Amino acid sequence: MTLEAIIMLVTMIVTFFCGLIAKKVSWFNTNLIPIQNIMIGVIVAVIEWIITRDFSTAIAVSGLIAGGIYDIGHNLQKMK
């Protein structure tokens, strides 16, 4: 399975479950995108590392994680 296929599959699954949670929890709904980015980044990095044992690819995927963490920090500052 290629990295693109893994990212696509994980993104679809995480987005589906995040959508279900967002319908029930209003707090999650307002912070959906950053949390979703973090979850996708972590899951894809772990799966890719398990399959290939190539740490450099897992680090490259950490861009999704970093983007999500930045967005959460930015949103929390706006809420104050």
C-alpha atoms as a PDB file:
ATOM      1  CA  MET A   1       0.000   0.000   0.000  1.00  0.00           C
ATOM      2  CA  THR A   2       1.413   3.389  -0.957  1.00  0.00           C
ATOM      3  CA  LEU A   3       1.646   6.404   1.328  1.00  0.00           C
ATOM      4  CA  GLU A   4      -0.992   8.216  -0.721  1.00  0.00           C
ATOM      5  CA  ALA A   5      -3.444   5.359  -0.264  1.00  0.00           C
ATOM      6  CA  ILE A   6      -2.768   5.237   3.477  1.00  0.00           C
ATOM      7  CA  ILE A   7      -3.322   8.987   3.836  1.00  0.00           C
ATOM      8  CA  MET A   8      -6.535   8.806   1.793  1.00  0.00           C
ATOM      9  CA  LEU A   9      -7.933   5.890   3.799  1.00  0.00           C
ATOM     10  CA  VAL A  10      -7.017   7.343   7.181  1.00  0.00           C
ATOM     11  CA  THR A  11      -8.397  10.754   6.197  1.00  0.00           C
ATOM     12  CA  MET A  12     -11.744   9.242   5.172  1.00  0.00           C
ATOM     13  CA  ILE A  13     -12.069   7.180   8.352  1.00  0.00           C
ATOM     14  CA  VAL A  14     -10.993   9.959  10.724  1.00  0.00           C
ATOM     15  CA  THR A  15     -13.223  12.512   8.975  1.00  0.00           C
ATOM     16  CA  PHE A  16     -16.205  10.169   9.236  1.00  0.00           C
ATOM     17  CA  PHE A  17     -15.731   9.571  12.963  1.00  0.00           C
ATOM     18  CA  CYS A  18     -14.972  13.238  13.659  1.00  0.00           C
ATOM     19  CA  GLY A  19     -18.204  14.148  11.874  1.00  0.00           C
ATOM     20  CA  LEU A  20     -20.172  11.756  14.043  1.00  0.00           C
ATOM     21  CA  ILE A  21     -18.615  13.173  17.203  1.00  0.00           C
ATOM     22  CA  ALA A  22     -19.127  16.790  16.026  1.00  0.00           C
ATOM     23  CA  LYS A  23     -22.861  16.196  15.690  1.00  0.00           C
ATOM     24  CA  LYS A  24     -23.073  15.306  19.383  1.00  0.00           C
ATOM     25  CA  VAL A  25     -20.413  17.538  21.029  1.00  0.00           C
ATOM     26  CA  SER A  26     -20.531  21.273  20.321  1.00  0.00           C
ATOM     27  CA  TRP A  27     -16.996  21.905  21.682  1.00  0.00           C
ATOM     28  CA  PHE A  28     -15.559  19.370  19.247  1.00  0.00           C
ATOM     29  CA  ASN A  29     -17.468  20.962  16.393  1.00  0.00           C
ATOM     30  CA  THR A  30     -15.721  24.335  16.872  1.00  0.00           C
ATOM     31  CA  ASN A  31     -12.234  22.750  16.971  1.00  0.00           C
ATOM     32  CA  LEU A  32     -12.811  20.026  14.390  1.00  0.00           C
ATOM     33  CA  ILE A  33     -10.177  20.833  11.755  1.00  0.00           C
ATOM     34  CA  PRO A  34      -7.124  21.120  14.044  1.00  0.00           C
ATOM     35  CA  ILE A  35      -8.030  17.992  16.001  1.00  0.00           C
ATOM     36  CA  GLN A  36      -8.668  16.128  12.769  1.00  0.00           C
ATOM     37  CA  ASN A  37      -5.258  17.193  11.385  1.00  0.00           C
ATOM     38  CA  ILE A  38      -3.488  15.968  14.501  1.00  0.00           C
ATOM     39  CA  MET A  39      -5.298  12.632  14.469  1.00  0.00           C
ATOM     40  CA  ILE A  40      -4.615  12.047  10.767  1.00  0.00           C
ATOM     41  CA  GLY A  41      -0.962  12.996  11.123  1.00  0.00           C
ATOM     42  CA  VAL A  42      -0.339  10.743  14.107  1.00  0.00           C
ATOM     43  CA  ILE A  43      -2.177   7.742  12.666  1.00  0.00           C
ATOM     44  CA  VAL A  44      -0.517   7.999   9.238  1.00  0.00           C
ATOM     45  CA  ALA A  45       2.939   8.478  10.769  1.00  0.00           C
ATOM     46  CA  VAL A  46       2.527   5.419  12.990  1.00  0.00           C
ATOM     47  CA  ILE A  47       1.149   3.230  10.192  1.00  0.00           C
ATOM     48  CA  GLU A  48       3.865   4.325   7.771  1.00  0.00           C
ATOM     49  CA  TRP A  49       6.573   3.718  10.352  1.00  0.00           C
ATOM     50  CA  ILE A  50       5.194   0.243  11.176  1.00  0.00           C
ATOM     51  CA  ILE A  51       5.058  -0.736   7.498  1.00  0.00           C
ATOM     52  CA  THR A  52       8.347   0.705   6.266  1.00  0.00           C
ATOM     53  CA  ARG A  53      10.394   1.327   9.432  1.00  0.00           C
ATOM     54  CA  ASP A  54      11.435   4.493   7.597  1.00  0.00           C
ATOM     55  CA  PHE A  55      11.555   7.217  10.186  1.00  0.00           C
ATOM     56  CA  SER A  56      12.163   9.989   7.636  1.00  0.00           C
ATOM     57  CA  THR A  57       8.763   9.423   6.017  1.00  0.00           C
ATOM     58  CA  ALA A  58       7.081   9.443   9.404  1.00  0.00           C
ATOM     59  CA  ILE A  59       8.785  12.758  10.133  1.00  0.00           C
ATOM     60  CA  ALA A  60       7.598  14.166   6.798  1.00  0.00           C
ATOM     61  CA  VAL A  61       4.022  13.320   7.737  1.00  0.00           C
ATOM     62  CA  SER A  62       4.473  15.251  10.965  1.00  0.00           C
ATOM     63  CA  GLY A  63       3.604  18.381   8.971  1.00  0.00           C
ATOM     64  CA  LEU A  64      -0.038  17.433   9.413  1.00  0.00           C
ATOM     65  CA  ILE A  65       0.554  17.113  13.124  1.00  0.00           C
ATOM     66  CA  ALA A  66       2.359  20.450  13.396  1.00  0.00           C
ATOM     67  CA  GLY A  67      -0.339  22.225  11.417  1.00  0.00           C
ATOM     68  CA  GLY A  68      -3.032  20.861  13.706  1.00  0.00           C
ATOM     69  CA  ILE A  69      -1.150  21.823  16.864  1.00  0.00           C
ATOM     70  CA  TYR A  70      -0.587  25.348  15.555  1.00  0.00           C
ATOM     71  CA  ASP A  71      -4.263  25.708  14.669  1.00  0.00           C
ATOM     72  CA  ILE A  72      -5.377  24.563  18.122  1.00  0.00           C
ATOM     73  CA  GLY A  73      -3.033  27.050  19.799  1.00  0.00           C
ATOM     74  CA  HIS A  74      -4.240  29.825  17.500  1.00  0.00           C
ATOM     75  CA  ASN A  75      -7.902  29.004  18.131  1.00  0.00           C
ATOM     76  CA  LEU A  76      -7.405  28.880  21.906  1.00  0.00           C
ATOM     77  CA  GLN A  77      -5.820  32.334  21.847  1.00  0.00           C
ATOM     78  CA  LYS A  78      -8.766  33.704  19.854  1.00  0.00           C
ATOM     79  CA  MET A  79     -11.211  32.265  22.391  1.00  0.00           C
ATOM     80  CA  LYS A  80      -9.664  34.185  25.325  1.00  0.00           C
END
